[in-house]
Amino acid sequence: MQRVAGYGAALAMLPYFVVKTVWTLDGLRGGGLHDGAWSRLDWSLINGLTVGMAGAAILLGLALGQGWGMRIPGWTVLGPAWIGGGFLVPMILVIPALLAVAPEGEAAPVTPAVPSWELIMLSLSFAGFGLAVAIAFPLYVRHRWPDAFTGRAPTAGATRAVQGTVATVAAAVAVGIGLPQMYWSLGGTAGLNQATLDNRDGQWHLLTGNSGLWALIAAWSVWTVTRRTAAGSPIPLLLSWIASGFLFAWGSWKAVFAFAVVPDFPPPEPLWALAGINHFGALAGLAILLLALMSTARASETAQKVTARGDVSGHHRLSLEGRRPTRSPDL
C-alpha cells in the first residue's frame, strides 16, 4: 500500500507539473495573465516557483514508494512531506466542496490563458496528491521509525518544563486564531469589516471554516502529544504533523502575497486580523512541529532503553541457565 500510494502521489502531481511548466514557458514569451493581481506579479516567476514545488512533490512521492527513500537522510523526506502535506491534505474534502459552491459562471472560468480543462487538472492533482500522501507518509514513518508511534508517556527531563510552556503558548495561539474563523464561517460578523461583508460567499465560508478547524486541531494535538494523554494512539501525532504543516505552509504563503499584492476585492477580515492569523499561525505551526519531533524523539529513546534493558535481562537469565543467548535475525 505504501508503494502504491507513493507512486500515486507522484503521478497525481505530474499533470500539475506539466501545466505549470507550460504556463512558465508561455510567460517567458510574454503570454499568461496580466490583469488584476497579475498586473503586479510576474506570471512566469510565480509559476516557475510552483514548478519547483511540484517537482519536489513528485520526488517525495517516489521517495515514499521506493526503497532508496528509506536510505536518504530523513530531513529530505520529512521537510517536503510536512510542507506538501500541510498544503494539501487538509484540503482533500474542501476542493470538491469549493467547486460545488462556486458562484454561477465561476466554477470553470475560461480565458485565453487559462482554459477550464487545465484548472480541472490542477484540482485533481491537488486532491490526488493530498490523499496519496495521507496514506503513504504514515506507513513510511512506521517502517523507518517504528518507535515514533509507541505512545509512551513523556519522561521528565531538563527541558520538560520549557516544552510544556511552549506547547501551552502554541495551543493558545492556535485557539486564538481558530475560534474567530470558526465563528465567522458560521455567519458571525463581529470583528469583520462591515463595508466588505458582501464579499463573503460560499467559498469564503468553506475556506475560513477549514482554516479555523485545523487551527483547533493543531491546538488539541500539540496538547495531547506533549502530555501523551492518548498514549498508544498515533492519531494525535499524525494530526499534529498535518495541522502544524497547514498553519505554517498556508500562513507563510498568504503572508508573502499579502505584502506583494493588493486584493482587487478587499476581504471581509480586517488586514490586521489577516496579518495576525497568517504570521502567528506560521510561528505556531513551526513551534508545534518542533514539539512533535522532540516528543517523538523522547518516545523513541524510551523505547530503545526499554528494549535494551530487556535484552540485557534476557542475556543474564540465559547465562544463569547455562545456555548461550541466540540473536534474532535482523529484519
C-alpha atoms as a PDB file:
ATOM      1  CA  MET A   1       0.000   0.000   0.000  1.00  0.00           C
ATOM      2  CA  GLN A   2       2.857   2.377   0.800  1.00  0.00           C
ATOM      3  CA  ARG A   3       4.432   1.756  -2.610  1.00  0.00           C
ATOM      4  CA  VAL A   4       1.154   2.199  -4.491  1.00  0.00           C
ATOM      5  CA  ALA A   5       0.293   5.382  -2.580  1.00  0.00           C
ATOM      6  CA  GLY A   6       3.790   6.809  -3.120  1.00  0.00           C
ATOM      7  CA  TYR A   7       3.616   6.208  -6.862  1.00  0.00           C
ATOM      8  CA  GLY A   8       0.081   7.585  -6.832  1.00  0.00           C
ATOM      9  CA  ALA A   9       1.294  10.824  -5.235  1.00  0.00           C
ATOM     10  CA  ALA A  10       3.962  11.244  -7.921  1.00  0.00           C
ATOM     11  CA  LEU A  11       1.530  10.509 -10.754  1.00  0.00           C
ATOM     12  CA  ALA A  12      -1.141  12.786  -9.297  1.00  0.00           C
ATOM     13  CA  MET A  13       1.263  15.729  -9.205  1.00  0.00           C
ATOM     14  CA  LEU A  14       2.560  15.107 -12.758  1.00  0.00           C
ATOM     15  CA  PRO A  15      -0.322  16.947 -14.535  1.00  0.00           C
ATOM     16  CA  TYR A  16       0.208  19.967 -12.276  1.00  0.00           C
ATOM     17  CA  PHE A  17       3.920  19.898 -13.093  1.00  0.00           C
ATOM     18  CA  VAL A  18       3.245  19.761 -16.842  1.00  0.00           C
ATOM     19  CA  VAL A  19       0.618  22.525 -16.814  1.00  0.00           C
ATOM     20  CA  LYS A  20       2.751  24.825 -14.686  1.00  0.00           C
ATOM     21  CA  THR A  21       5.776  24.215 -16.914  1.00  0.00           C
ATOM     22  CA  VAL A  22       3.753  25.203 -19.980  1.00  0.00           C
ATOM     23  CA  TRP A  23       2.481  28.311 -18.193  1.00  0.00           C
ATOM     24  CA  THR A  24       6.029  29.279 -17.199  1.00  0.00           C
ATOM     25  CA  LEU A  25       7.360  28.906 -20.739  1.00  0.00           C
ATOM     26  CA  ASP A  26       4.378  30.806 -22.100  1.00  0.00           C
ATOM     27  CA  GLY A  27       5.030  33.605 -19.614  1.00  0.00           C
ATOM     28  CA  LEU A  28       8.652  33.870 -20.721  1.00  0.00           C
ATOM     29  CA  ARG A  29       7.353  34.542 -24.238  1.00  0.00           C
ATOM     30  CA  GLY A  30       5.031  37.285 -22.997  1.00  0.00           C
ATOM     31  CA  GLY A  31       1.881  35.195 -22.516  1.00  0.00           C
ATOM     32  CA  GLY A  32      -0.109  34.443 -19.390  1.00  0.00           C
ATOM     33  CA  LEU A  33      -2.403  36.687 -17.376  1.00  0.00           C
ATOM     34  CA  HIS A  34      -1.626  40.377 -16.983  1.00  0.00           C
ATOM     35  CA  ASP A  35      -4.777  41.821 -15.431  1.00  0.00           C
ATOM     36  CA  GLY A  36      -5.992  42.023 -11.848  1.00  0.00           C
ATOM     37  CA  ALA A  37      -3.422  40.842  -9.306  1.00  0.00           C
ATOM     38  CA  TRP A  38      -1.205  39.623 -12.157  1.00  0.00           C
ATOM     39  CA  SER A  39      -0.590  43.210 -13.186  1.00  0.00           C
ATOM     40  CA  ARG A  40       1.601  43.415 -10.072  1.00  0.00           C
ATOM     41  CA  LEU A  41       3.038  39.883 -10.182  1.00  0.00           C
ATOM     42  CA  ASP A  42       5.353  38.182 -12.676  1.00  0.00           C
ATOM     43  CA  TRP A  43       3.403  35.314 -14.288  1.00  0.00           C
ATOM     44  CA  SER A  44       6.480  33.312 -15.296  1.00  0.00           C
ATOM     45  CA  LEU A  45       8.270  33.832 -11.966  1.00  0.00           C
ATOM     46  CA  ILE A  46       5.351  32.720  -9.775  1.00  0.00           C
ATOM     47  CA  ASN A  47       4.570  29.727 -11.978  1.00  0.00           C
ATOM     48  CA  GLY A  48       8.257  28.813 -12.123  1.00  0.00           C
ATOM     49  CA  LEU A  49       8.239  28.724  -8.335  1.00  0.00           C
ATOM     50  CA  THR A  50       5.299  26.313  -8.352  1.00  0.00           C
ATOM     51  CA  VAL A  51       7.090  24.153 -10.951  1.00  0.00           C
ATOM     52  CA  GLY A  52       9.893  23.682  -8.430  1.00  0.00           C
ATOM     53  CA  MET A  53       7.393  22.867  -5.702  1.00  0.00           C
ATOM     54  CA  ALA A  54       5.661  20.326  -7.960  1.00  0.00           C
ATOM     55  CA  GLY A  55       8.995  18.726  -8.832  1.00  0.00           C
ATOM     56  CA  ALA A  56       9.802  18.342  -5.131  1.00  0.00           C
ATOM     57  CA  ALA A  57       6.347  16.802  -4.596  1.00  0.00           C
ATOM     58  CA  ILE A  58       6.964  14.234  -7.350  1.00  0.00           C
ATOM     59  CA  LEU A  59      10.335  13.307  -5.839  1.00  0.00           C
ATOM     60  CA  LEU A  60       8.643  12.995  -2.447  1.00  0.00           C
ATOM     61  CA  GLY A  61       6.093  10.547  -3.844  1.00  0.00           C
ATOM     62  CA  LEU A  62       8.858   8.451  -5.390  1.00  0.00           C
ATOM     63  CA  ALA A  63      10.838   8.509  -2.136  1.00  0.00           C
ATOM     64  CA  LEU A  64       7.802   7.293  -0.205  1.00  0.00           C
ATOM     65  CA  GLY A  65       7.230   4.468  -2.685  1.00  0.00           C
ATOM     66  CA  GLN A  66      10.734   3.225  -3.489  1.00  0.00           C
ATOM     67  CA  GLY A  67      13.450   1.551  -1.453  1.00  0.00           C
ATOM     68  CA  TRP A  68      16.003   4.325  -1.834  1.00  0.00           C
ATOM     69  CA  GLY A  69      13.619   6.607   0.050  1.00  0.00           C
ATOM     70  CA  MET A  70      14.370   4.599   3.213  1.00  0.00           C
ATOM     71  CA  ARG A  71      18.125   5.281   2.912  1.00  0.00           C
ATOM     72  CA  ILE A  72      18.285   9.001   2.188  1.00  0.00           C
ATOM     73  CA  PRO A  73      18.633  11.491   5.080  1.00  0.00           C
ATOM     74  CA  GLY A  74      15.388  11.764   6.995  1.00  0.00           C
ATOM     75  CA  TRP A  75      15.110  15.535   6.682  1.00  0.00           C
ATOM     76  CA  THR A  76      14.970  15.281   2.871  1.00  0.00           C
ATOM     77  CA  VAL A  77      11.682  13.414   3.252  1.00  0.00           C
ATOM     78  CA  LEU A  78      10.284  14.994   6.395  1.00  0.00           C
ATOM     79  CA  GLY A  79      10.653  18.589   5.178  1.00  0.00           C
ATOM     80  CA  PRO A  80       8.792  18.240   1.850  1.00  0.00           C
ATOM     81  CA  ALA A  81       6.235  15.902   3.448  1.00  0.00           C
ATOM     82  CA  TRP A  82       5.487  18.455   6.159  1.00  0.00           C
ATOM     83  CA  ILE A  83       5.084  21.349   3.713  1.00  0.00           C
ATOM     84  CA  GLY A  84       3.299  19.385   0.965  1.00  0.00           C
ATOM     85  CA  GLY A  85       1.043  17.558   3.385  1.00  0.00           C
ATOM     86  CA  GLY A  86       0.248  20.801   5.176  1.00  0.00           C
ATOM     87  CA  PHE A  87      -0.744  22.470   1.931  1.00  0.00           C
ATOM     88  CA  LEU A  88      -2.963  19.734   0.503  1.00  0.00           C
ATOM     89  CA  VAL A  89      -4.020  17.025   2.983  1.00  0.00           C
ATOM     90  CA  PRO A  90      -6.408  19.382   4.871  1.00  0.00           C
ATOM     91  CA  MET A  91      -7.846  20.446   1.506  1.00  0.00           C
ATOM     92  CA  ILE A  92      -8.867  16.962   0.309  1.00  0.00           C
ATOM     93  CA  LEU A  93     -12.543  17.369   1.224  1.00  0.00           C
ATOM     94  CA  VAL A  94     -12.595  21.127   0.671  1.00  0.00           C
ATOM     95  CA  ILE A  95     -11.589  21.077  -3.018  1.00  0.00           C
ATOM     96  CA  PRO A  96     -14.754  19.341  -4.329  1.00  0.00           C
ATOM     97  CA  ALA A  97     -16.895  21.396  -1.937  1.00  0.00           C
ATOM     98  CA  LEU A  98     -15.370  24.611  -3.314  1.00  0.00           C
ATOM     99  CA  LEU A  99     -16.332  23.602  -6.838  1.00  0.00           C
ATOM    100  CA  ALA A 100     -19.845  22.741  -5.673  1.00  0.00           C
ATOM    101  CA  VAL A 101     -20.489  26.146  -4.088  1.00  0.00           C
ATOM    102  CA  ALA A 102     -18.734  28.242  -6.751  1.00  0.00           C
ATOM    103  CA  PRO A 103     -20.921  31.124  -7.990  1.00  0.00           C
ATOM    104  CA  GLU A 104     -22.630  30.643 -11.339  1.00  0.00           C
ATOM    105  CA  GLY A 105     -20.175  31.163 -14.138  1.00  0.00           C
ATOM    106  CA  GLU A 106     -17.088  30.836 -11.914  1.00  0.00           C
ATOM    107  CA  ALA A 107     -16.916  27.085 -11.473  1.00  0.00           C
ATOM    108  CA  ALA A 108     -14.802  26.767 -14.632  1.00  0.00           C
ATOM    109  CA  PRO A 109     -13.606  30.181 -15.753  1.00  0.00           C
ATOM    110  CA  VAL A 110     -12.278  30.250 -19.286  1.00  0.00           C
ATOM    111  CA  THR A 111      -9.760  32.783 -20.544  1.00  0.00           C
ATOM    112  CA  PRO A 112      -7.322  32.601 -23.467  1.00  0.00           C
ATOM    113  CA  ALA A 113      -4.517  31.982 -20.951  1.00  0.00           C
ATOM    114  CA  VAL A 114      -6.285  29.558 -18.581  1.00  0.00           C
ATOM    115  CA  PRO A 115      -8.724  27.123 -20.239  1.00  0.00           C
ATOM    116  CA  SER A 116     -11.101  25.259 -17.945  1.00  0.00           C
ATOM    117  CA  TRP A 117      -9.632  21.798 -18.545  1.00  0.00           C
ATOM    118  CA  GLU A 118      -6.294  22.953 -17.156  1.00  0.00           C
ATOM    119  CA  LEU A 119      -7.956  24.176 -13.966  1.00  0.00           C
ATOM    120  CA  ILE A 120      -9.681  20.802 -13.607  1.00  0.00           C
ATOM    121  CA  MET A 121      -6.325  19.033 -13.970  1.00  0.00           C
ATOM    122  CA  LEU A 122      -4.809  21.237 -11.266  1.00  0.00           C
ATOM    123  CA  SER A 123      -7.663  20.472  -8.873  1.00  0.00           C
ATOM    124  CA  LEU A 124      -7.339  16.730  -9.495  1.00  0.00           C
ATOM    125  CA  SER A 125      -3.593  16.932  -8.902  1.00  0.00           C
ATOM    126  CA  PHE A 126      -4.127  18.680  -5.574  1.00  0.00           C
ATOM    127  CA  ALA A 127      -6.740  16.225  -4.334  1.00  0.00           C
ATOM    128  CA  GLY A 128      -4.912  13.133  -5.602  1.00  0.00           C
ATOM    129  CA  PHE A 129      -1.568  14.141  -4.135  1.00  0.00           C
ATOM    130  CA  GLY A 130      -3.068  15.041  -0.773  1.00  0.00           C
ATOM    131  CA  LEU A 131      -4.925  11.742  -0.491  1.00  0.00           C
ATOM    132  CA  ALA A 132      -1.926   9.663  -1.574  1.00  0.00           C
ATOM    133  CA  VAL A 133       0.481  11.369   0.825  1.00  0.00           C
ATOM    134  CA  ALA A 134      -2.022  10.979   3.658  1.00  0.00           C
ATOM    135  CA  ILE A 135      -1.748   7.207   3.086  1.00  0.00           C
ATOM    136  CA  ALA A 136       1.914   6.779   2.134  1.00  0.00           C
ATOM    137  CA  PHE A 137       3.621   9.032   4.666  1.00  0.00           C
ATOM    138  CA  PRO A 138       2.329   7.401   7.906  1.00  0.00           C
ATOM    139  CA  LEU A 139       3.274   3.983   6.502  1.00  0.00           C
ATOM    140  CA  TYR A 140       6.717   5.282   5.590  1.00  0.00           C
ATOM    141  CA  VAL A 141       7.264   6.640   9.103  1.00  0.00           C
ATOM    142  CA  ARG A 142       6.005   3.408  10.654  1.00  0.00           C
ATOM    143  CA  HIS A 143       8.519   1.386   8.638  1.00  0.00           C
ATOM    144  CA  ARG A 144      11.500   3.703   9.033  1.00  0.00           C
ATOM    145  CA  TRP A 145      10.934   4.945  12.592  1.00  0.00           C
ATOM    146  CA  PRO A 146       8.636   2.372  14.260  1.00  0.00           C
ATOM    147  CA  ASP A 147       9.268   3.810  17.739  1.00  0.00           C
ATOM    148  CA  ALA A 148       7.628   7.096  16.688  1.00  0.00           C
ATOM    149  CA  PHE A 149       4.222   5.583  17.378  1.00  0.00           C
ATOM    150  CA  THR A 150       4.998   3.920  20.705  1.00  0.00           C
ATOM    151  CA  GLY A 151       2.797   6.435  22.515  1.00  0.00           C
ATOM    152  CA  ARG A 152       4.810   6.181  25.724  1.00  0.00           C
ATOM    153  CA  ALA A 153       4.326   8.838  28.377  1.00  0.00           C
ATOM    154  CA  PRO A 154       6.995  11.536  28.266  1.00  0.00           C
ATOM    155  CA  THR A 155       9.768  11.259  30.805  1.00  0.00           C
ATOM    156  CA  ALA A 156      10.976  14.104  32.951  1.00  0.00           C
ATOM    157  CA  GLY A 157      13.930  15.998  31.611  1.00  0.00           C
ATOM    158  CA  ALA A 158      15.813  19.253  31.773  1.00  0.00           C
ATOM    159  CA  THR A 159      13.675  20.803  29.032  1.00  0.00           C
ATOM    160  CA  ARG A 160      10.365  19.216  30.036  1.00  0.00           C
ATOM    161  CA  ALA A 161       9.005  22.348  31.720  1.00  0.00           C
ATOM    162  CA  VAL A 162      10.106  24.566  28.814  1.00  0.00           C
ATOM    163  CA  GLN A 163       8.450  22.294  26.283  1.00  0.00           C
ATOM    164  CA  GLY A 164       5.253  22.313  28.309  1.00  0.00           C
ATOM    165  CA  THR A 165       5.245  26.111  28.377  1.00  0.00           C
ATOM    166  CA  VAL A 166       5.890  26.369  24.635  1.00  0.00           C
ATOM    167  CA  ALA A 167       3.131  23.820  23.972  1.00  0.00           C
ATOM    168  CA  THR A 168       0.701  25.829  26.081  1.00  0.00           C
ATOM    169  CA  VAL A 169       1.546  29.066  24.248  1.00  0.00           C
ATOM    170  CA  ALA A 170       1.326  27.390  20.814  1.00  0.00           C
ATOM    171  CA  ALA A 171      -2.024  25.814  21.693  1.00  0.00           C
ATOM    172  CA  ALA A 172      -3.340  29.152  22.968  1.00  0.00           C
ATOM    173  CA  VAL A 173      -2.273  30.906  19.756  1.00  0.00           C
ATOM    174  CA  ALA A 174      -3.905  28.198  17.639  1.00  0.00           C
ATOM    175  CA  VAL A 175      -7.145  28.508  19.608  1.00  0.00           C
ATOM    176  CA  GLY A 176      -6.945  32.289  19.359  1.00  0.00           C
ATOM    177  CA  ILE A 177      -6.815  32.197  15.558  1.00  0.00           C
ATOM    178  CA  GLY A 178      -9.114  29.199  15.177  1.00  0.00           C
ATOM    179  CA  LEU A 179     -12.166  30.258  17.174  1.00  0.00           C
ATOM    180  CA  PRO A 180     -12.731  33.602  15.368  1.00  0.00           C
ATOM    181  CA  GLN A 181     -12.506  31.884  11.990  1.00  0.00           C
ATOM    182  CA  MET A 182     -14.997  29.227  13.014  1.00  0.00           C
ATOM    183  CA  TYR A 183     -17.318  31.978  14.284  1.00  0.00           C
ATOM    184  CA  TRP A 184     -17.015  33.934  11.019  1.00  0.00           C
ATOM    185  CA  SER A 185     -17.525  30.840   8.878  1.00  0.00           C
ATOM    186  CA  LEU A 186     -20.824  30.158  10.676  1.00  0.00           C
ATOM    187  CA  GLY A 187     -22.128  33.629   9.845  1.00  0.00           C
ATOM    188  CA  GLY A 188     -20.813  35.805  12.675  1.00  0.00           C
ATOM    189  CA  THR A 189     -19.876  39.350  11.725  1.00  0.00           C
ATOM    190  CA  ALA A 190     -18.304  40.785  14.893  1.00  0.00           C
ATOM    191  CA  GLY A 191     -14.769  41.882  14.134  1.00  0.00           C
ATOM    192  CA  LEU A 192     -15.248  41.876  10.350  1.00  0.00           C
ATOM    193  CA  ASN A 193     -15.072  44.912   8.110  1.00  0.00           C
ATOM    194  CA  GLN A 194     -18.710  45.952   7.763  1.00  0.00           C
ATOM    195  CA  ALA A 195     -18.009  47.696   4.433  1.00  0.00           C
ATOM    196  CA  THR A 196     -16.856  44.456   2.750  1.00  0.00           C
ATOM    197  CA  LEU A 197     -19.296  41.932   4.201  1.00  0.00           C
ATOM    198  CA  ASP A 198     -20.828  41.472   0.751  1.00  0.00           C
ATOM    199  CA  ASN A 199     -17.568  39.874  -0.426  1.00  0.00           C
ATOM    200  CA  ARG A 200     -18.365  36.768   1.605  1.00  0.00           C
ATOM    201  CA  ASP A 201     -19.542  33.838  -0.483  1.00  0.00           C
ATOM    202  CA  GLY A 202     -19.798  30.075  -0.119  1.00  0.00           C
ATOM    203  CA  GLN A 203     -16.140  29.529  -0.915  1.00  0.00           C
ATOM    204  CA  TRP A 204     -15.055  32.118   1.652  1.00  0.00           C
ATOM    205  CA  HIS A 205     -17.138  30.403   4.340  1.00  0.00           C
ATOM    206  CA  LEU A 206     -15.661  26.996   3.474  1.00  0.00           C
ATOM    207  CA  LEU A 207     -12.058  28.171   3.433  1.00  0.00           C
ATOM    208  CA  THR A 208     -12.448  30.204   6.619  1.00  0.00           C
ATOM    209  CA  GLY A 209     -14.123  27.319   8.430  1.00  0.00           C
ATOM    210  CA  ASN A 210     -11.488  24.863   7.231  1.00  0.00           C
ATOM    211  CA  SER A 211      -8.693  27.138   8.475  1.00  0.00           C
ATOM    212  CA  GLY A 212     -10.367  27.554  11.836  1.00  0.00           C
ATOM    213  CA  LEU A 213     -10.968  23.822  12.193  1.00  0.00           C
ATOM    214  CA  TRP A 214      -7.351  22.881  11.516  1.00  0.00           C
ATOM    215  CA  ALA A 215      -6.111  25.562  13.900  1.00  0.00           C
ATOM    216  CA  LEU A 216      -8.210  23.980  16.649  1.00  0.00           C
ATOM    217  CA  ILE A 217      -6.971  20.522  15.652  1.00  0.00           C
ATOM    218  CA  ALA A 218      -3.419  21.830  15.954  1.00  0.00           C
ATOM    219  CA  ALA A 219      -4.128  23.104  19.471  1.00  0.00           C
ATOM    220  CA  TRP A 220      -5.625  19.797  20.614  1.00  0.00           C
ATOM    221  CA  SER A 221      -2.936  17.666  19.016  1.00  0.00           C
ATOM    222  CA  VAL A 222       0.059  19.532  20.474  1.00  0.00           C
ATOM    223  CA  TRP A 223      -1.556  19.490  23.911  1.00  0.00           C
ATOM    224  CA  THR A 224      -2.119  15.737  23.612  1.00  0.00           C
ATOM    225  CA  VAL A 225       1.252  14.839  22.100  1.00  0.00           C
ATOM    226  CA  THR A 226       3.343  16.737  24.623  1.00  0.00           C
ATOM    227  CA  ARG A 227       1.421  15.173  27.505  1.00  0.00           C
ATOM    228  CA  ARG A 228       0.684  11.801  25.911  1.00  0.00           C
ATOM    229  CA  THR A 229      -2.852  11.831  27.267  1.00  0.00           C
ATOM    230  CA  ALA A 230      -3.741   9.399  24.481  1.00  0.00           C
ATOM    231  CA  ALA A 231      -0.838   7.015  24.978  1.00  0.00           C
ATOM    232  CA  GLY A 232      -0.626   4.253  22.414  1.00  0.00           C
ATOM    233  CA  SER A 233      -2.552   6.101  19.694  1.00  0.00           C
ATOM    234  CA  PRO A 234      -0.694   7.509  16.652  1.00  0.00           C
ATOM    235  CA  ILE A 235      -3.593   9.822  15.746  1.00  0.00           C
ATOM    236  CA  PRO A 236      -2.537  12.866  17.865  1.00  0.00           C
ATOM    237  CA  LEU A 237       0.995  12.705  16.460  1.00  0.00           C
ATOM    238  CA  LEU A 238      -0.219  12.467  12.859  1.00  0.00           C
ATOM    239  CA  LEU A 239      -2.710  15.281  13.350  1.00  0.00           C
ATOM    240  CA  SER A 240      -0.073  17.494  14.952  1.00  0.00           C
ATOM    241  CA  TRP A 241       2.138  16.891  11.919  1.00  0.00           C
ATOM    242  CA  ILE A 242      -0.588  17.743   9.387  1.00  0.00           C
ATOM    243  CA  ALA A 243      -2.074  20.649  11.338  1.00  0.00           C
ATOM    244  CA  SER A 244       1.282  22.293  12.052  1.00  0.00           C
ATOM    245  CA  GLY A 245       2.191  21.957   8.379  1.00  0.00           C
ATOM    246  CA  PHE A 246      -1.136  23.543   7.444  1.00  0.00           C
ATOM    247  CA  LEU A 247      -0.582  26.515   9.755  1.00  0.00           C
ATOM    248  CA  PHE A 248       2.981  27.075   8.603  1.00  0.00           C
ATOM    249  CA  ALA A 249       2.574  26.450   4.862  1.00  0.00           C
ATOM    250  CA  TRP A 250      -0.606  28.426   4.286  1.00  0.00           C
ATOM    251  CA  GLY A 251       0.281  31.123   6.827  1.00  0.00           C
ATOM    252  CA  SER A 252       3.654  31.744   5.195  1.00  0.00           C
ATOM    253  CA  TRP A 253       2.254  31.634   1.659  1.00  0.00           C
ATOM    254  CA  LYS A 254      -0.574  34.062   2.412  1.00  0.00           C
ATOM    255  CA  ALA A 255       1.681  36.373   4.408  1.00  0.00           C
ATOM    256  CA  VAL A 256       4.101  36.734   1.486  1.00  0.00           C
ATOM    257  CA  PHE A 257       1.354  37.507  -1.017  1.00  0.00           C
ATOM    258  CA  ALA A 258      -0.395  39.852   1.393  1.00  0.00           C
ATOM    259  CA  PHE A 259       2.658  42.109   1.195  1.00  0.00           C
ATOM    260  CA  ALA A 260       3.108  41.660  -2.561  1.00  0.00           C
ATOM    261  CA  VAL A 261      -0.478  42.078  -3.787  1.00  0.00           C
ATOM    262  CA  VAL A 262      -3.282  44.479  -3.023  1.00  0.00           C
ATOM    263  CA  PRO A 263      -6.504  42.451  -3.480  1.00  0.00           C
ATOM    264  CA  ASP A 264      -8.961  43.605  -6.140  1.00  0.00           C
ATOM    265  CA  PHE A 265     -11.807  42.738  -3.772  1.00  0.00           C
ATOM    266  CA  PRO A 266     -10.976  43.622  -0.133  1.00  0.00           C
ATOM    267  CA  PRO A 267     -11.576  40.647   2.184  1.00  0.00           C
ATOM    268  CA  PRO A 268     -14.188  40.762   4.943  1.00  0.00           C
ATOM    269  CA  GLU A 269     -11.456  40.336   7.560  1.00  0.00           C
ATOM    270  CA  PRO A 270      -9.534  43.468   8.643  1.00  0.00           C
ATOM    271  CA  LEU A 271      -5.983  43.484   7.327  1.00  0.00           C
ATOM    272  CA  TRP A 272      -4.570  43.423  10.855  1.00  0.00           C
ATOM    273  CA  ALA A 273      -6.591  40.280  11.596  1.00  0.00           C
ATOM    274  CA  LEU A 274      -5.333  38.534   8.468  1.00  0.00           C
ATOM    275  CA  ALA A 275      -1.764  39.528   9.289  1.00  0.00           C
ATOM    276  CA  GLY A 276      -2.124  38.107  12.792  1.00  0.00           C
ATOM    277  CA  ILE A 277      -3.716  34.883  11.585  1.00  0.00           C
ATOM    278  CA  ASN A 278      -1.039  34.299   8.951  1.00  0.00           C
ATOM    279  CA  HIS A 279       2.067  35.312  10.896  1.00  0.00           C
ATOM    280  CA  PHE A 280       1.162  33.910  14.293  1.00  0.00           C
ATOM    281  CA  GLY A 281      -0.259  30.794  12.622  1.00  0.00           C
ATOM    282  CA  ALA A 282       3.027  30.158  10.823  1.00  0.00           C
ATOM    283  CA  LEU A 283       5.014  30.619  14.052  1.00  0.00           C
ATOM    284  CA  ALA A 284       2.652  28.355  15.997  1.00  0.00           C
ATOM    285  CA  GLY A 285       2.909  25.705  13.269  1.00  0.00           C
ATOM    286  CA  LEU A 286       6.699  25.752  13.426  1.00  0.00           C
ATOM    287  CA  ALA A 287       6.644  25.501  17.222  1.00  0.00           C
ATOM    288  CA  ILE A 288       4.200  22.574  17.114  1.00  0.00           C
ATOM    289  CA  LEU A 289       6.417  20.765  14.600  1.00  0.00           C
ATOM    290  CA  LEU A 290       9.463  21.113  16.856  1.00  0.00           C
ATOM    291  CA  LEU A 291       7.494  19.933  19.887  1.00  0.00           C
ATOM    292  CA  ALA A 292       6.137  16.920  17.987  1.00  0.00           C
ATOM    293  CA  LEU A 293       9.645  15.968  16.829  1.00  0.00           C
ATOM    294  CA  MET A 294      11.062  16.320  20.335  1.00  0.00           C
ATOM    295  CA  SER A 295       8.207  14.289  21.813  1.00  0.00           C
ATOM    296  CA  THR A 296       8.741  11.594  19.189  1.00  0.00           C
ATOM    297  CA  ALA A 297      12.480  11.546  19.881  1.00  0.00           C
ATOM    298  CA  ARG A 298      11.792  11.061  23.602  1.00  0.00           C
ATOM    299  CA  ALA A 299       9.386   8.233  22.873  1.00  0.00           C
ATOM    300  CA  SER A 300      11.901   6.566  20.560  1.00  0.00           C
ATOM    301  CA  GLU A 301      14.702   6.932  23.120  1.00  0.00           C
ATOM    302  CA  THR A 302      12.497   5.494  25.860  1.00  0.00           C
ATOM    303  CA  ALA A 303      11.512   2.541  23.675  1.00  0.00           C
ATOM    304  CA  GLN A 304      15.144   1.815  22.849  1.00  0.00           C
ATOM    305  CA  LYS A 305      16.114   1.877  26.528  1.00  0.00           C
ATOM    306  CA  VAL A 306      13.275  -0.494  27.403  1.00  0.00           C
ATOM    307  CA  THR A 307      14.370  -2.837  24.605  1.00  0.00           C
ATOM    308  CA  ALA A 308      17.994  -2.649  25.724  1.00  0.00           C
ATOM    309  CA  ARG A 309      17.062  -3.461  29.321  1.00  0.00           C
ATOM    310  CA  GLY A 310      15.028  -6.399  28.095  1.00  0.00           C
ATOM    311  CA  ASP A 311      17.919  -7.690  26.013  1.00  0.00           C
ATOM    312  CA  VAL A 312      20.351  -7.382  28.931  1.00  0.00           C
ATOM    313  CA  SER A 313      17.899  -9.072  31.308  1.00  0.00           C
ATOM    314  CA  GLY A 314      17.321 -11.895  28.849  1.00  0.00           C
ATOM    315  CA  HIS A 315      21.056 -12.357  28.284  1.00  0.00           C
ATOM    316  CA  HIS A 316      21.677 -12.519  32.041  1.00  0.00           C
ATOM    317  CA  ARG A 317      18.858 -15.011  32.586  1.00  0.00           C
ATOM    318  CA  LEU A 318      20.055 -17.298  29.825  1.00  0.00           C
ATOM    319  CA  SER A 319      23.629 -17.146  31.105  1.00  0.00           C
ATOM    320  CA  LEU A 320      22.482 -18.219  34.552  1.00  0.00           C
ATOM    321  CA  GLU A 321      20.685 -21.146  32.950  1.00  0.00           C
ATOM    322  CA  GLY A 322      23.869 -22.219  31.203  1.00  0.00           C
ATOM    323  CA  ARG A 323      22.698 -21.522  27.665  1.00  0.00           C
ATOM    324  CA  ARG A 324      24.103 -19.083  25.178  1.00  0.00           C
ATOM    325  CA  PRO A 325      21.596 -16.459  24.037  1.00  0.00           C
ATOM    326  CA  THR A 326      20.543 -16.612  20.427  1.00  0.00           C
ATOM    327  CA  ARG A 327      20.365 -13.495  18.322  1.00  0.00           C
ATOM    328  CA  SER A 328      17.238 -12.963  16.296  1.00  0.00           C
ATOM    329  CA  PRO A 329      17.865 -12.184  12.635  1.00  0.00           C
ATOM    330  CA  ASP A 330      17.705  -8.551  11.556  1.00  0.00           C
ATOM    331  CA  LEU A 331      14.511  -7.637   9.792  1.00  0.00           C
END
